[in-house]
Amino acid sequence: MGYEALKLQIKKMIIEVCEKDDISPADIADDVELFSQASKLDLDSLDALEISMGLKRDYGVRMGDSKDFRRTVTTINELAKFIQKETNG
């Protein structure tokens, strides 16, 4: 899967698992901190858990503790890089 396709798939997964039906993938910038006001997603700690479970389900990647999660899940770009690294060995 290409990098751009992966980023789109990640955005769709976040919208689905966090039940953000009023947001479209195009509304999520690739380089904006996901857990910031600028992202417009209004994510909280429960959303972080849902995203972590979605990553495990869709990509087979496990996140560590909440500190690891916050370090890895910063932007769509960083998350896509992490998934590519973890899944391509």
N, C-alpha and C. Protein backbone atom coordinates (compact mmCIF):
# COMPACT_ATOMS: atom_id res chain seq x y z
N MET A 1 0.84 -1.18 0.00
CA MET A 1 0.00 0.00 0.00
C MET A 1 0.89 1.24 0.00
N GLY A 2 0.53 2.21 -0.80
CA GLY A 2 1.28 3.45 -0.87
C GLY A 2 1.08 4.31 0.37
N TYR A 3 2.00 5.22 0.57
CA TYR A 3 2.00 6.10 1.74
C TYR A 3 0.73 6.96 1.80
N GLU A 4 0.32 7.55 0.68
CA GLU A 4 -0.88 8.39 0.66
C GLU A 4 -2.14 7.57 0.95
N ALA A 5 -2.20 6.38 0.38
CA ALA A 5 -3.35 5.49 0.62
C ALA A 5 -3.41 5.08 2.09
N LEU A 6 -2.25 4.83 2.69
CA LEU A 6 -2.19 4.46 4.10
C LEU A 6 -2.69 5.61 4.97
N LYS A 7 -2.28 6.83 4.65
CA LYS A 7 -2.73 7.98 5.44
C LYS A 7 -4.25 8.14 5.36
N LEU A 8 -4.81 7.95 4.16
CA LEU A 8 -6.26 8.04 4.00
C LEU A 8 -6.96 6.96 4.80
N GLN A 9 -6.41 5.75 4.77
CA GLN A 9 -6.99 4.63 5.51
C GLN A 9 -6.94 4.90 7.02
N ILE A 10 -5.85 5.48 7.51
CA ILE A 10 -5.72 5.81 8.93
C ILE A 10 -6.77 6.85 9.32
N LYS A 11 -6.94 7.86 8.50
CA LYS A 11 -7.93 8.90 8.78
C LYS A 11 -9.33 8.29 8.87
N LYS A 12 -9.66 7.41 7.92
CA LYS A 12 -10.97 6.77 7.92
C LYS A 12 -11.16 5.92 9.18
N MET A 13 -10.11 5.22 9.59
CA MET A 13 -10.19 4.39 10.79
C MET A 13 -10.43 5.27 12.02
N ILE A 14 -9.72 6.39 12.13
CA ILE A 14 -9.89 7.29 13.28
C ILE A 14 -11.32 7.83 13.32
N ILE A 15 -11.83 8.25 12.18
CA ILE A 15 -13.20 8.76 12.11
C ILE A 15 -14.19 7.68 12.54
N GLU A 16 -13.96 6.46 12.09
CA GLU A 16 -14.86 5.35 12.42
C GLU A 16 -14.82 5.01 13.90
N VAL A 17 -13.63 4.72 14.44
CA VAL A 17 -13.54 4.23 15.81
C VAL A 17 -13.85 5.31 16.84
N CYS A 18 -13.65 6.56 16.49
CA CYS A 18 -13.94 7.66 17.41
C CYS A 18 -15.32 8.27 17.17
N GLU A 19 -16.05 7.69 16.22
CA GLU A 19 -17.41 8.11 15.90
C GLU A 19 -17.48 9.61 15.64
N LYS A 20 -16.60 10.08 14.77
CA LYS A 20 -16.55 11.50 14.38
C LYS A 20 -17.20 11.65 13.01
N ASP A 21 -18.47 11.30 12.93
CA ASP A 21 -19.19 11.27 11.66
C ASP A 21 -19.29 12.62 10.98
N ASP A 22 -19.08 13.70 11.73
CA ASP A 22 -19.18 15.04 11.14
C ASP A 22 -17.87 15.52 10.53
N ILE A 23 -16.86 14.65 10.56
CA ILE A 23 -15.53 14.97 10.01
C ILE A 23 -15.28 14.08 8.80
N SER A 24 -14.66 14.63 7.77
CA SER A 24 -14.27 13.82 6.61
C SER A 24 -12.74 13.68 6.62
N PRO A 25 -12.22 12.67 5.95
CA PRO A 25 -10.76 12.51 5.91
C PRO A 25 -10.06 13.78 5.41
N ALA A 26 -10.67 14.50 4.51
CA ALA A 26 -10.07 15.73 3.98
C ALA A 26 -9.96 16.82 5.05
N ASP A 27 -10.75 16.71 6.11
CA ASP A 27 -10.71 17.70 7.20
C ASP A 27 -9.52 17.49 8.13
N ILE A 28 -8.88 16.33 8.03
CA ILE A 28 -7.77 16.01 8.93
C ILE A 28 -6.46 16.27 8.21
N ALA A 29 -5.73 17.26 8.67
CA ALA A 29 -4.44 17.59 8.07
C ALA A 29 -3.40 16.54 8.45
N ASP A 30 -2.51 16.24 7.52
CA ASP A 30 -1.50 15.20 7.75
C ASP A 30 -0.46 15.60 8.79
N ASP A 31 -0.24 16.91 8.97
CA ASP A 31 0.85 17.36 9.82
C ASP A 31 0.40 18.13 11.07
N VAL A 32 -0.88 18.00 11.44
CA VAL A 32 -1.39 18.68 12.63
C VAL A 32 -1.48 17.67 13.77
N GLU A 33 -1.07 18.10 14.96
CA GLU A 33 -1.15 17.23 16.14
C GLU A 33 -2.59 16.76 16.33
N LEU A 34 -2.79 15.45 16.35
CA LEU A 34 -4.14 14.89 16.43
C LEU A 34 -4.86 15.25 17.73
N PHE A 35 -4.11 15.32 18.82
CA PHE A 35 -4.73 15.60 20.12
C PHE A 35 -4.62 17.08 20.49
N SER A 36 -4.60 17.95 19.48
CA SER A 36 -4.56 19.38 19.73
C SER A 36 -5.86 20.01 19.25
N GLN A 37 -6.11 21.24 19.67
CA GLN A 37 -7.30 21.98 19.22
C GLN A 37 -7.27 22.18 17.71
N ALA A 38 -6.07 22.31 17.15
CA ALA A 38 -5.93 22.58 15.72
C ALA A 38 -6.46 21.45 14.85
N SER A 39 -6.52 20.23 15.39
CA SER A 39 -6.94 19.09 14.58
C SER A 39 -8.45 19.07 14.32
N LYS A 40 -9.21 19.75 15.11
CA LYS A 40 -10.67 19.81 14.99
C LYS A 40 -11.35 18.48 15.30
N LEU A 41 -10.57 17.49 15.77
CA LEU A 41 -11.14 16.17 16.06
C LEU A 41 -11.71 16.09 17.47
N ASP A 42 -11.22 16.94 18.38
CA ASP A 42 -11.68 16.94 19.77
C ASP A 42 -11.54 15.55 20.39
N LEU A 43 -10.33 14.99 20.31
CA LEU A 43 -10.06 13.65 20.83
C LEU A 43 -9.74 13.69 22.32
N ASP A 44 -10.13 12.62 23.02
CA ASP A 44 -9.83 12.51 24.44
C ASP A 44 -9.17 11.16 24.71
N SER A 45 -8.99 10.83 25.99
CA SER A 45 -8.27 9.59 26.32
C SER A 45 -9.04 8.35 25.89
N LEU A 46 -10.34 8.38 25.89
CA LEU A 46 -11.13 7.25 25.40
C LEU A 46 -10.92 7.06 23.90
N ASP A 47 -10.83 8.18 23.17
CA ASP A 47 -10.53 8.11 21.74
C ASP A 47 -9.15 7.50 21.51
N ALA A 48 -8.19 7.85 22.38
CA ALA A 48 -6.84 7.29 22.26
C ALA A 48 -6.89 5.77 22.37
N LEU A 49 -7.69 5.27 23.30
CA LEU A 49 -7.84 3.82 23.46
C LEU A 49 -8.49 3.21 22.22
N GLU A 50 -9.50 3.86 21.69
CA GLU A 50 -10.18 3.36 20.49
C GLU A 50 -9.22 3.33 19.30
N ILE A 51 -8.41 4.38 19.15
CA ILE A 51 -7.43 4.42 18.05
C ILE A 51 -6.41 3.30 18.22
N SER A 52 -5.95 3.10 19.45
CA SER A 52 -4.98 2.04 19.72
C SER A 52 -5.56 0.67 19.34
N MET A 53 -6.81 0.44 19.70
CA MET A 53 -7.46 -0.84 19.36
C MET A 53 -7.65 -0.96 17.85
N GLY A 54 -7.97 0.15 17.18
CA GLY A 54 -8.11 0.15 15.73
C GLY A 54 -6.80 -0.16 15.02
N LEU A 55 -5.71 0.38 15.55
CA LEU A 55 -4.39 0.10 14.97
C LEU A 55 -4.05 -1.37 15.10
N LYS A 56 -4.37 -1.96 16.24
CA LYS A 56 -4.11 -3.39 16.45
C LYS A 56 -4.97 -4.22 15.50
N ARG A 57 -6.24 -3.86 15.39
CA ARG A 57 -7.17 -4.60 14.54
C ARG A 57 -6.80 -4.50 13.06
N ASP A 58 -6.52 -3.28 12.59
CA ASP A 58 -6.32 -3.06 11.16
C ASP A 58 -4.90 -3.33 10.67
N TYR A 59 -3.91 -3.11 11.55
CA TYR A 59 -2.51 -3.20 11.10
C TYR A 59 -1.68 -4.18 11.92
N GLY A 60 -2.25 -4.72 12.99
CA GLY A 60 -1.51 -5.66 13.81
C GLY A 60 -0.39 -5.02 14.62
N VAL A 61 -0.44 -3.70 14.78
CA VAL A 61 0.59 -3.02 15.57
C VAL A 61 0.07 -2.74 16.96
N ARG A 62 0.94 -2.97 17.92
CA ARG A 62 0.58 -2.71 19.32
C ARG A 62 1.26 -1.43 19.78
N MET A 63 0.51 -0.65 20.50
CA MET A 63 1.07 0.53 21.11
C MET A 63 1.48 0.16 22.53
N GLY A 64 2.49 0.80 23.04
CA GLY A 64 2.90 0.55 24.41
C GLY A 64 1.94 1.24 25.37
N ASP A 65 2.50 1.81 26.41
CA ASP A 65 1.67 2.53 27.38
C ASP A 65 1.21 3.87 26.80
N SER A 66 0.52 4.64 27.60
CA SER A 66 -0.03 5.91 27.10
C SER A 66 1.06 6.89 26.68
N LYS A 67 2.22 6.84 27.32
CA LYS A 67 3.32 7.72 26.92
C LYS A 67 3.83 7.33 25.53
N ASP A 68 3.99 6.04 25.27
CA ASP A 68 4.39 5.57 23.94
C ASP A 68 3.36 5.99 22.90
N PHE A 69 2.09 5.83 23.26
CA PHE A 69 1.02 6.18 22.35
C PHE A 69 1.10 7.65 21.98
N ARG A 70 1.23 8.52 22.97
CA ARG A 70 1.28 9.96 22.71
C ARG A 70 2.52 10.36 21.92
N ARG A 71 3.62 9.63 22.09
CA ARG A 71 4.83 9.91 21.32
C ARG A 71 4.67 9.48 19.87
N THR A 72 3.97 8.40 19.63
CA THR A 72 3.82 7.83 18.29
C THR A 72 2.66 8.46 17.52
N VAL A 73 1.52 8.58 18.19
CA VAL A 73 0.33 9.09 17.53
C VAL A 73 0.30 10.61 17.69
N THR A 74 1.16 11.29 16.96
CA THR A 74 1.20 12.74 17.02
C THR A 74 0.47 13.34 15.83
N THR A 75 0.85 12.92 14.65
CA THR A 75 0.22 13.41 13.42
C THR A 75 -0.08 12.20 12.53
N ILE A 76 -0.85 12.42 11.51
CA ILE A 76 -1.13 11.35 10.53
C ILE A 76 0.19 10.92 9.88
N ASN A 77 1.03 11.87 9.54
CA ASN A 77 2.33 11.54 8.92
C ASN A 77 3.15 10.62 9.81
N GLU A 78 3.28 10.97 11.09
CA GLU A 78 4.08 10.16 12.01
C GLU A 78 3.46 8.79 12.24
N LEU A 79 2.16 8.74 12.32
CA LEU A 79 1.46 7.47 12.52
C LEU A 79 1.66 6.56 11.32
N ALA A 80 1.58 7.12 10.11
CA ALA A 80 1.79 6.33 8.89
C ALA A 80 3.22 5.80 8.84
N LYS A 81 4.19 6.62 9.20
CA LYS A 81 5.59 6.17 9.24
C LYS A 81 5.76 5.03 10.22
N PHE A 82 5.15 5.15 11.40
CA PHE A 82 5.23 4.12 12.43
C PHE A 82 4.63 2.81 11.92
N ILE A 83 3.48 2.87 11.30
CA ILE A 83 2.81 1.66 10.80
C ILE A 83 3.67 1.01 9.71
N GLN A 84 4.20 1.81 8.80
CA GLN A 84 5.04 1.26 7.73
C GLN A 84 6.27 0.57 8.33
N LYS A 85 6.89 1.21 9.32
CA LYS A 85 8.07 0.62 9.95
C LYS A 85 7.73 -0.69 10.65
N GLU A 86 6.63 -0.71 11.37
CA GLU A 86 6.24 -1.90 12.13
C GLU A 86 5.77 -3.05 11.24
N THR A 87 5.14 -2.72 10.13
CA THR A 87 4.58 -3.78 9.28
C THR A 87 5.54 -4.25 8.19
N ASN A 88 6.57 -3.45 7.91
CA ASN A 88 7.54 -3.84 6.89
C ASN A 88 8.81 -4.43 7.48
N GLY A 89 8.84 -4.51 8.83
CA GLY A 89 9.96 -5.13 9.52
C GLY A 89 11.24 -4.41 9.29
